[in-house]
Amino acid sequence: MAENLDRYELRILALLQEDASRPTTEIAEIVGLSQAPCWRRIQRLKEAGYIKKTVCLLDRRKLGLNAEIFAQVKLSANGRADVSGFSDAIGQFPEVIGCFVLLGSVDFMLRIVAEDIEAYERFFFEKLSQVPGVQEINSMVALSEIKNTTAFPLVI
């Protein structure tokens, strides 16, 4: 995995993935370091790019975003010539919370949230299907959530 990380740093990253609001003193105590060396390791992990940013995870349903949709997007031959244009357009849509370039029969997989199916329908017709180069969109509605995590598996 990350060969240049020691067990302390891997444990620090695992703890921060669980709850980034933990105070450094608590993290230090759990991993078996004093506060100052623990703080320095966290700063090094940030500087080295292991920690990209610290965020707060929200409950989408409490925010009224009850529909989660996965959309497979296929671009036309002309659209594939301007993938960056598609990417720029998708980046402007707050409803799209994930966008991945794929290999295979489709070009992109989008993760989209909306208030409900009607709101997604409006987004689909008024925004997504209007992006230049889009040939086909296959939408799948998530019925329930079995697992949804932001934590990476770290071998400690």
C-alpha atoms as a PDB file:
ATOM      1  CA  MET A   1       0.000   0.000   0.000  1.00  0.00           C
ATOM      2  CA  ALA A   2       1.757   3.158   1.156  1.00  0.00           C
ATOM      3  CA  GLU A   3       5.253   1.837   1.770  1.00  0.00           C
ATOM      4  CA  ASN A   4       6.605   5.113   3.095  1.00  0.00           C
ATOM      5  CA  LEU A   5       4.034   5.276   5.920  1.00  0.00           C
ATOM      6  CA  ASP A   6       4.731   3.641   9.248  1.00  0.00           C
ATOM      7  CA  ARG A   7       2.170   1.995  11.518  1.00  0.00           C
ATOM      8  CA  TYR A   8       1.644   5.215  13.497  1.00  0.00           C
ATOM      9  CA  GLU A   9       0.803   7.192  10.374  1.00  0.00           C
ATOM     10  CA  LEU A  10      -1.503   4.478   9.047  1.00  0.00           C
ATOM     11  CA  ARG A  11      -3.309   4.384  12.396  1.00  0.00           C
ATOM     12  CA  ILE A  12      -3.559   8.188  12.444  1.00  0.00           C
ATOM     13  CA  LEU A  13      -5.098   8.144   8.962  1.00  0.00           C
ATOM     14  CA  ALA A  14      -7.548   5.416   9.973  1.00  0.00           C
ATOM     15  CA  LEU A  15      -8.635   7.429  13.021  1.00  0.00           C
ATOM     16  CA  LEU A  16      -9.010  10.637  11.017  1.00  0.00           C
ATOM     17  CA  GLN A  17     -11.132   8.793   8.433  1.00  0.00           C
ATOM     18  CA  GLU A  18     -13.470   7.758  11.245  1.00  0.00           C
ATOM     19  CA  ASP A  19     -13.718  11.200  12.833  1.00  0.00           C
ATOM     20  CA  ALA A  20     -11.534  14.094  11.727  1.00  0.00           C
ATOM     21  CA  SER A  21     -12.823  16.278  14.560  1.00  0.00           C
ATOM     22  CA  ARG A  22     -10.880  14.269  17.154  1.00  0.00           C
ATOM     23  CA  PRO A  23      -8.381  16.400  19.027  1.00  0.00           C
ATOM     24  CA  THR A  24      -4.705  15.632  18.439  1.00  0.00           C
ATOM     25  CA  THR A  25      -4.313  14.687  22.101  1.00  0.00           C
ATOM     26  CA  GLU A  26      -6.904  11.938  21.725  1.00  0.00           C
ATOM     27  CA  ILE A  27      -5.332  10.639  18.506  1.00  0.00           C
ATOM     28  CA  ALA A  28      -1.879  10.685  20.121  1.00  0.00           C
ATOM     29  CA  GLU A  29      -3.131   8.713  23.099  1.00  0.00           C
ATOM     30  CA  ILE A  30      -4.790   6.062  20.914  1.00  0.00           C
ATOM     31  CA  VAL A  31      -1.763   5.539  18.654  1.00  0.00           C
ATOM     32  CA  GLY A  32       0.758   5.650  21.486  1.00  0.00           C
ATOM     33  CA  LEU A  33       2.580   8.909  20.767  1.00  0.00           C
ATOM     34  CA  SER A  34       2.883  12.171  22.648  1.00  0.00           C
ATOM     35  CA  GLN A  35       0.918  15.121  21.322  1.00  0.00           C
ATOM     36  CA  ALA A  36       3.738  17.057  19.584  1.00  0.00           C
ATOM     37  CA  PRO A  37       5.081  14.167  17.454  1.00  0.00           C
ATOM     38  CA  CYS A  38       1.524  13.166  16.581  1.00  0.00           C
ATOM     39  CA  TRP A  39       0.701  16.718  15.479  1.00  0.00           C
ATOM     40  CA  ARG A  40       3.907  16.824  13.367  1.00  0.00           C
ATOM     41  CA  ARG A  41       2.971  13.545  11.676  1.00  0.00           C
ATOM     42  CA  ILE A  42      -0.503  14.876  10.878  1.00  0.00           C
ATOM     43  CA  GLN A  43       1.042  18.019   9.381  1.00  0.00           C
ATOM     44  CA  ARG A  44       3.454  15.901   7.286  1.00  0.00           C
ATOM     45  CA  LEU A  45       0.541  13.762   6.068  1.00  0.00           C
ATOM     46  CA  LYS A  46      -1.270  16.931   4.991  1.00  0.00           C
ATOM     47  CA  GLU A  47       1.804  18.399   3.288  1.00  0.00           C
ATOM     48  CA  ALA A  48       2.491  15.106   1.479  1.00  0.00           C
ATOM     49  CA  GLY A  49      -1.091  15.041   0.170  1.00  0.00           C
ATOM     50  CA  TYR A  50      -2.328  11.970   2.051  1.00  0.00           C
ATOM     51  CA  ILE A  51      -4.921  14.199   3.696  1.00  0.00           C
ATOM     52  CA  LYS A  52      -6.535  16.186   0.893  1.00  0.00           C
ATOM     53  CA  LYS A  53      -9.037  18.106   3.018  1.00  0.00           C
ATOM     54  CA  THR A  54     -11.163  17.815   6.123  1.00  0.00           C
ATOM     55  CA  VAL A  55     -14.917  17.766   5.584  1.00  0.00           C
ATOM     56  CA  CYS A  56     -18.158  17.089   7.382  1.00  0.00           C
ATOM     57  CA  LEU A  57     -20.390  14.296   6.049  1.00  0.00           C
ATOM     58  CA  LEU A  58     -24.046  15.266   5.901  1.00  0.00           C
ATOM     59  CA  ASP A  59     -27.194  13.148   5.876  1.00  0.00           C
ATOM     60  CA  ARG A  60     -28.682  13.697   2.410  1.00  0.00           C
ATOM     61  CA  ARG A  61     -32.161  12.563   3.468  1.00  0.00           C
ATOM     62  CA  LYS A  62     -32.322  15.057   6.335  1.00  0.00           C
ATOM     63  CA  LEU A  63     -31.448  17.693   3.731  1.00  0.00           C
ATOM     64  CA  GLY A  64     -34.399  16.603   1.581  1.00  0.00           C
ATOM     65  CA  LEU A  65     -32.290  14.814  -1.040  1.00  0.00           C
ATOM     66  CA  ASN A  66     -34.301  11.604  -1.057  1.00  0.00           C
ATOM     67  CA  ALA A  67     -33.354  10.298  -4.495  1.00  0.00           C
ATOM     68  CA  GLU A  68     -29.954   8.941  -5.424  1.00  0.00           C
ATOM     69  CA  ILE A  69     -29.411   8.127  -9.079  1.00  0.00           C
ATOM     70  CA  PHE A  70     -26.545   6.542 -10.969  1.00  0.00           C
ATOM     71  CA  ALA A  71     -26.422   7.617 -14.603  1.00  0.00           C
ATOM     72  CA  GLN A  72     -24.297   6.007 -17.278  1.00  0.00           C
ATOM     73  CA  VAL A  73     -23.485   8.533 -19.985  1.00  0.00           C
ATOM     74  CA  LYS A  74     -22.298   7.671 -23.461  1.00  0.00           C
ATOM     75  CA  LEU A  75     -20.888  10.441 -25.610  1.00  0.00           C
ATOM     76  CA  SER A  76     -21.229  10.670 -29.373  1.00  0.00           C
ATOM     77  CA  ALA A  77     -18.097  10.393 -31.508  1.00  0.00           C
ATOM     78  CA  ASN A  78     -17.992  14.204 -31.635  1.00  0.00           C
ATOM     79  CA  GLY A  79     -18.576  14.368 -27.879  1.00  0.00           C
ATOM     80  CA  ARG A  80     -15.608  12.075 -27.218  1.00  0.00           C
ATOM     81  CA  ALA A  81     -13.419  14.600 -29.015  1.00  0.00           C
ATOM     82  CA  ASP A  82     -14.389  17.148 -26.328  1.00  0.00           C
ATOM     83  CA  VAL A  83     -14.309  15.128 -23.094  1.00  0.00           C
ATOM     84  CA  SER A  84     -12.961  18.141 -21.225  1.00  0.00           C
ATOM     85  CA  GLY A  85     -16.025  20.154 -22.326  1.00  0.00           C
ATOM     86  CA  PHE A  86     -18.316  17.471 -20.919  1.00  0.00           C
ATOM     87  CA  SER A  87     -16.258  17.333 -17.726  1.00  0.00           C
ATOM     88  CA  ASP A  88     -16.434  21.113 -17.334  1.00  0.00           C
ATOM     89  CA  ALA A  89     -20.220  21.085 -17.825  1.00  0.00           C
ATOM     90  CA  ILE A  90     -20.719  18.287 -15.280  1.00  0.00           C
ATOM     91  CA  GLY A  91     -18.535  20.162 -12.793  1.00  0.00           C
ATOM     92  CA  GLN A  92     -21.081  23.000 -12.839  1.00  0.00           C
ATOM     93  CA  PHE A  93     -23.994  20.814 -11.697  1.00  0.00           C
ATOM     94  CA  PRO A  94     -24.260  20.622  -7.887  1.00  0.00           C
ATOM     95  CA  GLU A  95     -26.646  17.667  -8.260  1.00  0.00           C
ATOM     96  CA  VAL A  96     -23.738  15.563  -9.562  1.00  0.00           C
ATOM     97  CA  ILE A  97     -21.747  14.489  -6.509  1.00  0.00           C
ATOM     98  CA  GLY A  98     -19.519  11.993  -8.311  1.00  0.00           C
ATOM     99  CA  CYS A  99     -18.296  11.623 -11.879  1.00  0.00           C
ATOM    100  CA  PHE A 100     -16.052   8.840 -13.138  1.00  0.00           C
ATOM    101  CA  VAL A 101     -14.552   8.137 -16.562  1.00  0.00           C
ATOM    102  CA  LEU A 102     -15.104   4.489 -17.484  1.00  0.00           C
ATOM    103  CA  LEU A 103     -13.659   1.945 -19.852  1.00  0.00           C
ATOM    104  CA  GLY A 104     -16.249  -0.105 -21.715  1.00  0.00           C
ATOM    105  CA  SER A 105     -19.533   0.561 -23.432  1.00  0.00           C
ATOM    106  CA  VAL A 106     -20.231   3.836 -21.583  1.00  0.00           C
ATOM    107  CA  ASP A 107     -17.955   6.808 -21.056  1.00  0.00           C
ATOM    108  CA  PHE A 108     -18.996   8.209 -17.664  1.00  0.00           C
ATOM    109  CA  MET A 109     -20.764   7.123 -14.484  1.00  0.00           C
ATOM    110  CA  LEU A 110     -22.458   9.922 -12.545  1.00  0.00           C
ATOM    111  CA  ARG A 111     -23.723   9.836  -8.978  1.00  0.00           C
ATOM    112  CA  ILE A 112     -26.587  12.295  -8.672  1.00  0.00           C
ATOM    113  CA  VAL A 113     -28.793  13.397  -5.784  1.00  0.00           C
ATOM    114  CA  ALA A 114     -32.171  15.104  -6.046  1.00  0.00           C
ATOM    115  CA  GLU A 115     -35.156  15.894  -3.857  1.00  0.00           C
ATOM    116  CA  ASP A 116     -37.232  13.245  -5.612  1.00  0.00           C
ATOM    117  CA  ILE A 117     -37.674  11.546  -8.985  1.00  0.00           C
ATOM    118  CA  GLU A 118     -39.537  14.556 -10.380  1.00  0.00           C
ATOM    119  CA  ALA A 119     -36.601  16.811  -9.493  1.00  0.00           C
ATOM    120  CA  TYR A 120     -34.247  14.353 -11.186  1.00  0.00           C
ATOM    121  CA  GLU A 121     -36.475  14.340 -14.252  1.00  0.00           C
ATOM    122  CA  ARG A 122     -36.194  18.133 -14.473  1.00  0.00           C
ATOM    123  CA  PHE A 123     -32.408  17.921 -14.046  1.00  0.00           C
ATOM    124  CA  PHE A 124     -32.265  15.201 -16.706  1.00  0.00           C
ATOM    125  CA  PHE A 125     -34.226  17.123 -19.338  1.00  0.00           C
ATOM    126  CA  GLU A 126     -33.145  20.683 -18.539  1.00  0.00           C
ATOM    127  CA  LYS A 127     -29.457  20.144 -17.795  1.00  0.00           C
ATOM    128  CA  LEU A 128     -27.887  16.709 -18.272  1.00  0.00           C
ATOM    129  CA  SER A 129     -29.395  15.821 -21.637  1.00  0.00           C
ATOM    130  CA  GLN A 130     -28.569  19.324 -22.922  1.00  0.00           C
ATOM    131  CA  VAL A 131     -24.801  18.917 -22.472  1.00  0.00           C
ATOM    132  CA  PRO A 132     -23.207  18.940 -25.940  1.00  0.00           C
ATOM    133  CA  GLY A 133     -21.951  15.564 -27.099  1.00  0.00           C
ATOM    134  CA  VAL A 134     -24.276  13.414 -24.987  1.00  0.00           C
ATOM    135  CA  GLN A 135     -25.589  10.537 -27.057  1.00  0.00           C
ATOM    136  CA  GLU A 136     -27.220   8.312 -24.454  1.00  0.00           C
ATOM    137  CA  ILE A 137     -28.053   8.356 -20.739  1.00  0.00           C
ATOM    138  CA  ASN A 138     -29.049   5.277 -18.781  1.00  0.00           C
ATOM    139  CA  SER A 139     -30.365   6.180 -15.311  1.00  0.00           C
ATOM    140  CA  MET A 140     -30.646   3.786 -12.388  1.00  0.00           C
ATOM    141  CA  VAL A 141     -32.413   4.760  -9.171  1.00  0.00           C
ATOM    142  CA  ALA A 142     -30.941   3.439  -5.929  1.00  0.00           C
ATOM    143  CA  LEU A 143     -33.715   1.823  -3.893  1.00  0.00           C
ATOM    144  CA  SER A 144     -31.740   1.354  -0.696  1.00  0.00           C
ATOM    145  CA  GLU A 145     -28.222   1.764   0.580  1.00  0.00           C
ATOM    146  CA  ILE A 146     -26.307  -1.304   1.726  1.00  0.00           C
ATOM    147  CA  LYS A 147     -22.883   0.284   2.163  1.00  0.00           C
ATOM    148  CA  ASN A 148     -21.702   3.836   1.615  1.00  0.00           C
ATOM    149  CA  THR A 149     -18.356   4.843   3.048  1.00  0.00           C
ATOM    150  CA  THR A 150     -15.614   7.331   2.391  1.00  0.00           C
ATOM    151  CA  ALA A 151     -13.042   5.324   4.364  1.00  0.00           C
ATOM    152  CA  PHE A 152     -10.273   3.562   2.469  1.00  0.00           C
ATOM    153  CA  PRO A 153      -9.103   0.144   3.686  1.00  0.00           C
ATOM    154  CA  LEU A 154      -5.797   0.699   5.438  1.00  0.00           C
ATOM    155  CA  VAL A 155      -3.581  -2.230   6.410  1.00  0.00           C
ATOM    156  CA  ILE A 156      -2.150  -1.402   9.805  1.00  0.00           C
END
